[in-house]
């Protein structure tokens, strides 16, 4: 499933509906993340559903180089399998055109442990991509994953974005 600008605009509603559905069905209780990791006065939202995934979106992320406020990282998501699926898209806040940003997925064995970058791309969109904490023997390690978006380039227009880190098999 590709995130389009139209889908991005409706993501806030989808988050609200997801919270209502999860609460109403007795499933895992989602937690609306505090937005303390939302830079400056940028509008951002995140919902974290234990055992399912973390979903984030935001509007008007400025250039990191120009302002120092152009990075957003999701809260950590624990994967018992050591595998997640990452998907993301970014758009120019003013024109709606796809916008190249830096996407990163990080992994740590413990919540306070040092993180290792497992995935990086500098593109407007990342289709569903499996990211695994692979060991030399081919197994994976359970642990904590989080994703970051960086609107890096000097003079880049503000970006709107959405990303998800969901449980992999």
C-alpha atoms as a PDB file:
ATOM      1  CA  UNK A   1       0.000   0.000   0.000  1.00  0.00           C
ATOM      2  CA  UNK A   2       1.512   3.333  -1.067  1.00  0.00           C
ATOM      3  CA  UNK A   3       1.001   6.475   0.972  1.00  0.00           C
ATOM      4  CA  UNK A   4      -0.293   9.278  -1.295  1.00  0.00           C
ATOM      5  CA  UNK A   5      -0.776  12.921  -0.352  1.00  0.00           C
ATOM      6  CA  UNK A   6      -4.527  12.308  -0.150  1.00  0.00           C
ATOM      7  CA  UNK A   7      -3.940   9.388   2.205  1.00  0.00           C
ATOM      8  CA  UNK A   8      -1.524  11.531   4.200  1.00  0.00           C
ATOM      9  CA  UNK A   9      -4.205  14.184   4.707  1.00  0.00           C
ATOM     10  CA  UNK A  10      -6.584  11.542   6.042  1.00  0.00           C
ATOM     11  CA  UNK A  11      -4.033   9.875   8.309  1.00  0.00           C
ATOM     12  CA  UNK A  12      -5.113  11.899  11.362  1.00  0.00           C
ATOM     13  CA  UNK A  13      -8.658  10.544  10.921  1.00  0.00           C
ATOM     14  CA  UNK A  14      -7.328   7.033  10.375  1.00  0.00           C
ATOM     15  CA  UNK A  15      -5.335   7.272  13.601  1.00  0.00           C
ATOM     16  CA  UNK A  16      -8.421   8.384  15.500  1.00  0.00           C
ATOM     17  CA  UNK A  17     -10.488   5.571  13.966  1.00  0.00           C
ATOM     18  CA  UNK A  18      -7.758   3.032  14.739  1.00  0.00           C
ATOM     19  CA  UNK A  19      -7.760   4.083  18.384  1.00  0.00           C
ATOM     20  CA  UNK A  20     -11.527   3.733  18.539  1.00  0.00           C
ATOM     21  CA  UNK A  21     -11.528   0.339  16.850  1.00  0.00           C
ATOM     22  CA  UNK A  22      -8.753  -1.061  19.014  1.00  0.00           C
ATOM     23  CA  UNK A  23     -10.402   0.168  22.192  1.00  0.00           C
ATOM     24  CA  UNK A  24     -13.794  -1.090  21.099  1.00  0.00           C
ATOM     25  CA  UNK A  25     -12.677  -4.588  20.136  1.00  0.00           C
ATOM     26  CA  UNK A  26     -10.636  -5.436  23.202  1.00  0.00           C
ATOM     27  CA  UNK A  27      -7.411  -5.580  21.150  1.00  0.00           C
ATOM     28  CA  UNK A  28      -4.082  -4.199  22.221  1.00  0.00           C
ATOM     29  CA  UNK A  29      -4.577  -0.763  23.696  1.00  0.00           C
ATOM     30  CA  UNK A  30      -2.966   1.867  21.501  1.00  0.00           C
ATOM     31  CA  UNK A  31      -1.066   4.703  23.069  1.00  0.00           C
ATOM     32  CA  UNK A  32      -1.064   8.129  21.506  1.00  0.00           C
ATOM     33  CA  UNK A  33       2.574   9.038  21.819  1.00  0.00           C
ATOM     34  CA  UNK A  34       3.460  12.296  23.445  1.00  0.00           C
ATOM     35  CA  UNK A  35       4.735  14.667  20.829  1.00  0.00           C
ATOM     36  CA  UNK A  36       7.825  15.762  22.752  1.00  0.00           C
ATOM     37  CA  UNK A  37       9.962  14.491  19.884  1.00  0.00           C
ATOM     38  CA  UNK A  38       8.049  16.720  17.448  1.00  0.00           C
ATOM     39  CA  UNK A  39      10.519  19.510  16.557  1.00  0.00           C
ATOM     40  CA  UNK A  40       9.583  23.090  17.423  1.00  0.00           C
ATOM     41  CA  UNK A  41       6.000  23.982  16.565  1.00  0.00           C
ATOM     42  CA  UNK A  42       5.681  21.337  13.829  1.00  0.00           C
ATOM     43  CA  UNK A  43       2.381  19.481  13.788  1.00  0.00           C
ATOM     44  CA  UNK A  44       2.956  15.747  14.205  1.00  0.00           C
ATOM     45  CA  UNK A  45       1.019  12.726  15.403  1.00  0.00           C
ATOM     46  CA  UNK A  46       1.977   9.227  16.411  1.00  0.00           C
ATOM     47  CA  UNK A  47       0.054   6.192  17.539  1.00  0.00           C
ATOM     48  CA  UNK A  48       1.819   3.195  19.038  1.00  0.00           C
ATOM     49  CA  UNK A  49      -0.037  -0.116  19.192  1.00  0.00           C
ATOM     50  CA  UNK A  50       1.829  -2.815  21.139  1.00  0.00           C
ATOM     51  CA  UNK A  51       2.243  -5.978  19.067  1.00  0.00           C
ATOM     52  CA  UNK A  52       1.118  -4.199  15.900  1.00  0.00           C
ATOM     53  CA  UNK A  53       3.254  -1.154  15.093  1.00  0.00           C
ATOM     54  CA  UNK A  54       3.919   2.562  15.295  1.00  0.00           C
ATOM     55  CA  UNK A  55       2.340   5.018  12.853  1.00  0.00           C
ATOM     56  CA  UNK A  56       3.452   8.656  12.540  1.00  0.00           C
ATOM     57  CA  UNK A  57       2.686  11.658  10.363  1.00  0.00           C
ATOM     58  CA  UNK A  58       3.397  15.355  10.365  1.00  0.00           C
ATOM     59  CA  UNK A  59       3.082  18.608   8.500  1.00  0.00           C
ATOM     60  CA  UNK A  60       5.593  21.344   7.762  1.00  0.00           C
ATOM     61  CA  UNK A  61       8.892  19.664   8.752  1.00  0.00           C
ATOM     62  CA  UNK A  62      11.505  22.344   7.941  1.00  0.00           C
ATOM     63  CA  UNK A  63      15.011  21.909   6.534  1.00  0.00           C
ATOM     64  CA  UNK A  64      17.338  20.410   9.167  1.00  0.00           C
ATOM     65  CA  UNK A  65      20.342  22.337   7.819  1.00  0.00           C
ATOM     66  CA  UNK A  66      18.480  25.671   7.813  1.00  0.00           C
ATOM     67  CA  UNK A  67      16.700  25.372  11.176  1.00  0.00           C
ATOM     68  CA  UNK A  68      18.066  22.452  13.204  1.00  0.00           C
ATOM     69  CA  UNK A  69      14.440  21.270  13.561  1.00  0.00           C
ATOM     70  CA  UNK A  70      14.063  19.050  10.493  1.00  0.00           C
ATOM     71  CA  UNK A  71      14.220  15.598  12.116  1.00  0.00           C
ATOM     72  CA  UNK A  72      11.424  13.453  13.557  1.00  0.00           C
ATOM     73  CA  UNK A  73      11.931   9.990  15.066  1.00  0.00           C
ATOM     74  CA  UNK A  74       9.161   7.650  16.155  1.00  0.00           C
ATOM     75  CA  UNK A  75       9.026   6.075  19.565  1.00  0.00           C
ATOM     76  CA  UNK A  76      10.631   2.654  19.837  1.00  0.00           C
ATOM     77  CA  UNK A  77       8.618  -0.373  18.718  1.00  0.00           C
ATOM     78  CA  UNK A  78       9.438  -3.757  20.274  1.00  0.00           C
ATOM     79  CA  UNK A  79       9.507  -6.645  17.804  1.00  0.00           C
ATOM     80  CA  UNK A  80       9.682 -10.125  19.310  1.00  0.00           C
ATOM     81  CA  UNK A  81      10.660 -11.509  15.887  1.00  0.00           C
ATOM     82  CA  UNK A  82      13.434  -8.999  15.175  1.00  0.00           C
ATOM     83  CA  UNK A  83      11.712  -8.055  11.923  1.00  0.00           C
ATOM     84  CA  UNK A  84       9.535  -5.074  10.981  1.00  0.00           C
ATOM     85  CA  UNK A  85       8.005  -3.681   7.801  1.00  0.00           C
ATOM     86  CA  UNK A  86       8.761  -0.002   7.095  1.00  0.00           C
ATOM     87  CA  UNK A  87       6.783   2.219   4.711  1.00  0.00           C
ATOM     88  CA  UNK A  88       6.983   5.995   4.229  1.00  0.00           C
ATOM     89  CA  UNK A  89       6.225   8.975   1.970  1.00  0.00           C
ATOM     90  CA  UNK A  90       7.019  12.701   1.980  1.00  0.00           C
ATOM     91  CA  UNK A  91       5.562  15.631   0.048  1.00  0.00           C
ATOM     92  CA  UNK A  92       6.311  19.334  -0.394  1.00  0.00           C
ATOM     93  CA  UNK A  93       4.064  21.038   2.168  1.00  0.00           C
ATOM     94  CA  UNK A  94       3.046  23.816  -0.247  1.00  0.00           C
ATOM     95  CA  UNK A  95       2.811  22.104  -3.653  1.00  0.00           C
ATOM     96  CA  UNK A  96       2.059  18.465  -2.783  1.00  0.00           C
ATOM     97  CA  UNK A  97       4.861  17.259  -5.051  1.00  0.00           C
ATOM     98  CA  UNK A  98       6.833  14.221  -3.837  1.00  0.00           C
ATOM     99  CA  UNK A  99       9.822  15.423  -1.813  1.00  0.00           C
ATOM    100  CA  UNK A 100      13.133  13.653  -1.270  1.00  0.00           C
ATOM    101  CA  UNK A 101      14.004  13.253   2.409  1.00  0.00           C
ATOM    102  CA  UNK A 102      16.268  10.943   4.383  1.00  0.00           C
ATOM    103  CA  UNK A 103      14.582   7.863   5.869  1.00  0.00           C
ATOM    104  CA  UNK A 104      16.316   5.774   8.541  1.00  0.00           C
ATOM    105  CA  UNK A 105      15.324   2.704  10.590  1.00  0.00           C
ATOM    106  CA  UNK A 106      17.332   2.022  13.747  1.00  0.00           C
ATOM    107  CA  UNK A 107      17.517  -1.020  16.056  1.00  0.00           C
ATOM    108  CA  UNK A 108      18.622  -1.552  19.675  1.00  0.00           C
ATOM    109  CA  UNK A 109      18.574  -4.713  21.793  1.00  0.00           C
ATOM    110  CA  UNK A 110      17.314  -2.765  24.836  1.00  0.00           C
ATOM    111  CA  UNK A 111      15.329   0.478  25.167  1.00  0.00           C
ATOM    112  CA  UNK A 112      18.406   2.356  26.423  1.00  0.00           C
ATOM    113  CA  UNK A 113      20.949   0.456  24.317  1.00  0.00           C
ATOM    114  CA  UNK A 114      22.997   1.978  21.531  1.00  0.00           C
ATOM    115  CA  UNK A 115      21.152   1.882  18.214  1.00  0.00           C
ATOM    116  CA  UNK A 116      22.390   0.502  14.911  1.00  0.00           C
ATOM    117  CA  UNK A 117      21.173   1.882  11.584  1.00  0.00           C
ATOM    118  CA  UNK A 118      19.625  -1.013   9.627  1.00  0.00           C
ATOM    119  CA  UNK A 119      18.019   0.910   6.765  1.00  0.00           C
ATOM    120  CA  UNK A 120      18.634   4.191   4.963  1.00  0.00           C
ATOM    121  CA  UNK A 121      17.262   5.805   1.830  1.00  0.00           C
ATOM    122  CA  UNK A 122      17.120   9.294   0.336  1.00  0.00           C
ATOM    123  CA  UNK A 123      13.910   9.192  -1.677  1.00  0.00           C
ATOM    124  CA  UNK A 124      10.384  10.657  -1.559  1.00  0.00           C
ATOM    125  CA  UNK A 125       8.741   7.275  -0.814  1.00  0.00           C
ATOM    126  CA  UNK A 126       9.694   3.884   0.547  1.00  0.00           C
ATOM    127  CA  UNK A 127       7.356   1.010  -0.396  1.00  0.00           C
ATOM    128  CA  UNK A 128       6.750  -1.709   2.171  1.00  0.00           C
ATOM    129  CA  UNK A 129      10.260  -2.869   3.042  1.00  0.00           C
ATOM    130  CA  UNK A 130      11.265  -5.648   5.437  1.00  0.00           C
ATOM    131  CA  UNK A 131      13.921  -4.547   7.929  1.00  0.00           C
ATOM    132  CA  UNK A 132      15.491  -7.295  10.066  1.00  0.00           C
ATOM    133  CA  UNK A 133      17.972  -7.359  12.930  1.00  0.00           C
ATOM    134  CA  UNK A 134      19.935 -10.182  11.326  1.00  0.00           C
ATOM    135  CA  UNK A 135      22.644 -12.190  13.042  1.00  0.00           C
ATOM    136  CA  UNK A 136      25.590 -13.840  11.239  1.00  0.00           C
ATOM    137  CA  UNK A 137      23.906 -17.243  11.592  1.00  0.00           C
ATOM    138  CA  UNK A 138      20.796 -16.052   9.716  1.00  0.00           C
ATOM    139  CA  UNK A 139      18.555 -15.694  12.775  1.00  0.00           C
ATOM    140  CA  UNK A 140      17.113 -12.368  13.937  1.00  0.00           C
ATOM    141  CA  UNK A 141      17.275 -10.699  17.345  1.00  0.00           C
ATOM    142  CA  UNK A 142      14.192  -9.362  19.098  1.00  0.00           C
ATOM    143  CA  UNK A 143      14.515  -5.741  20.080  1.00  0.00           C
ATOM    144  CA  UNK A 144      13.491  -2.139  19.605  1.00  0.00           C
ATOM    145  CA  UNK A 145      13.055  -0.445  16.219  1.00  0.00           C
ATOM    146  CA  UNK A 146      12.415   3.215  15.438  1.00  0.00           C
ATOM    147  CA  UNK A 147      12.238   5.251  12.247  1.00  0.00           C
ATOM    148  CA  UNK A 148      13.457   8.775  11.511  1.00  0.00           C
ATOM    149  CA  UNK A 149      12.686  11.229   8.734  1.00  0.00           C
ATOM    150  CA  UNK A 150      15.118  14.069   8.045  1.00  0.00           C
ATOM    151  CA  UNK A 151      14.298  16.958   5.714  1.00  0.00           C
ATOM    152  CA  UNK A 152      17.997  17.567   5.249  1.00  0.00           C
ATOM    153  CA  UNK A 153      18.954  19.714   2.282  1.00  0.00           C
ATOM    154  CA  UNK A 154      19.688  23.433   2.552  1.00  0.00           C
ATOM    155  CA  UNK A 155      16.718  25.422   1.271  1.00  0.00           C
ATOM    156  CA  UNK A 156      14.368  22.432   1.201  1.00  0.00           C
ATOM    157  CA  UNK A 157      10.713  23.416   1.452  1.00  0.00           C
ATOM    158  CA  UNK A 158       8.810  22.178   4.512  1.00  0.00           C
ATOM    159  CA  UNK A 159       7.751  18.535   4.159  1.00  0.00           C
ATOM    160  CA  UNK A 160       4.602  16.647   5.068  1.00  0.00           C
ATOM    161  CA  UNK A 161       5.258  12.983   5.820  1.00  0.00           C
ATOM    162  CA  UNK A 162       3.855   9.697   7.059  1.00  0.00           C
ATOM    163  CA  UNK A 163       5.669   6.547   8.072  1.00  0.00           C
ATOM    164  CA  UNK A 164       5.003   3.252   9.764  1.00  0.00           C
ATOM    165  CA  UNK A 165       7.052   0.575  11.511  1.00  0.00           C
ATOM    166  CA  UNK A 166       4.866  -2.525  11.854  1.00  0.00           C
ATOM    167  CA  UNK A 167       5.424  -6.058  13.077  1.00  0.00           C
ATOM    168  CA  UNK A 168       7.102  -8.348  10.560  1.00  0.00           C
ATOM    169  CA  UNK A 169       6.971 -12.126  10.481  1.00  0.00           C
END
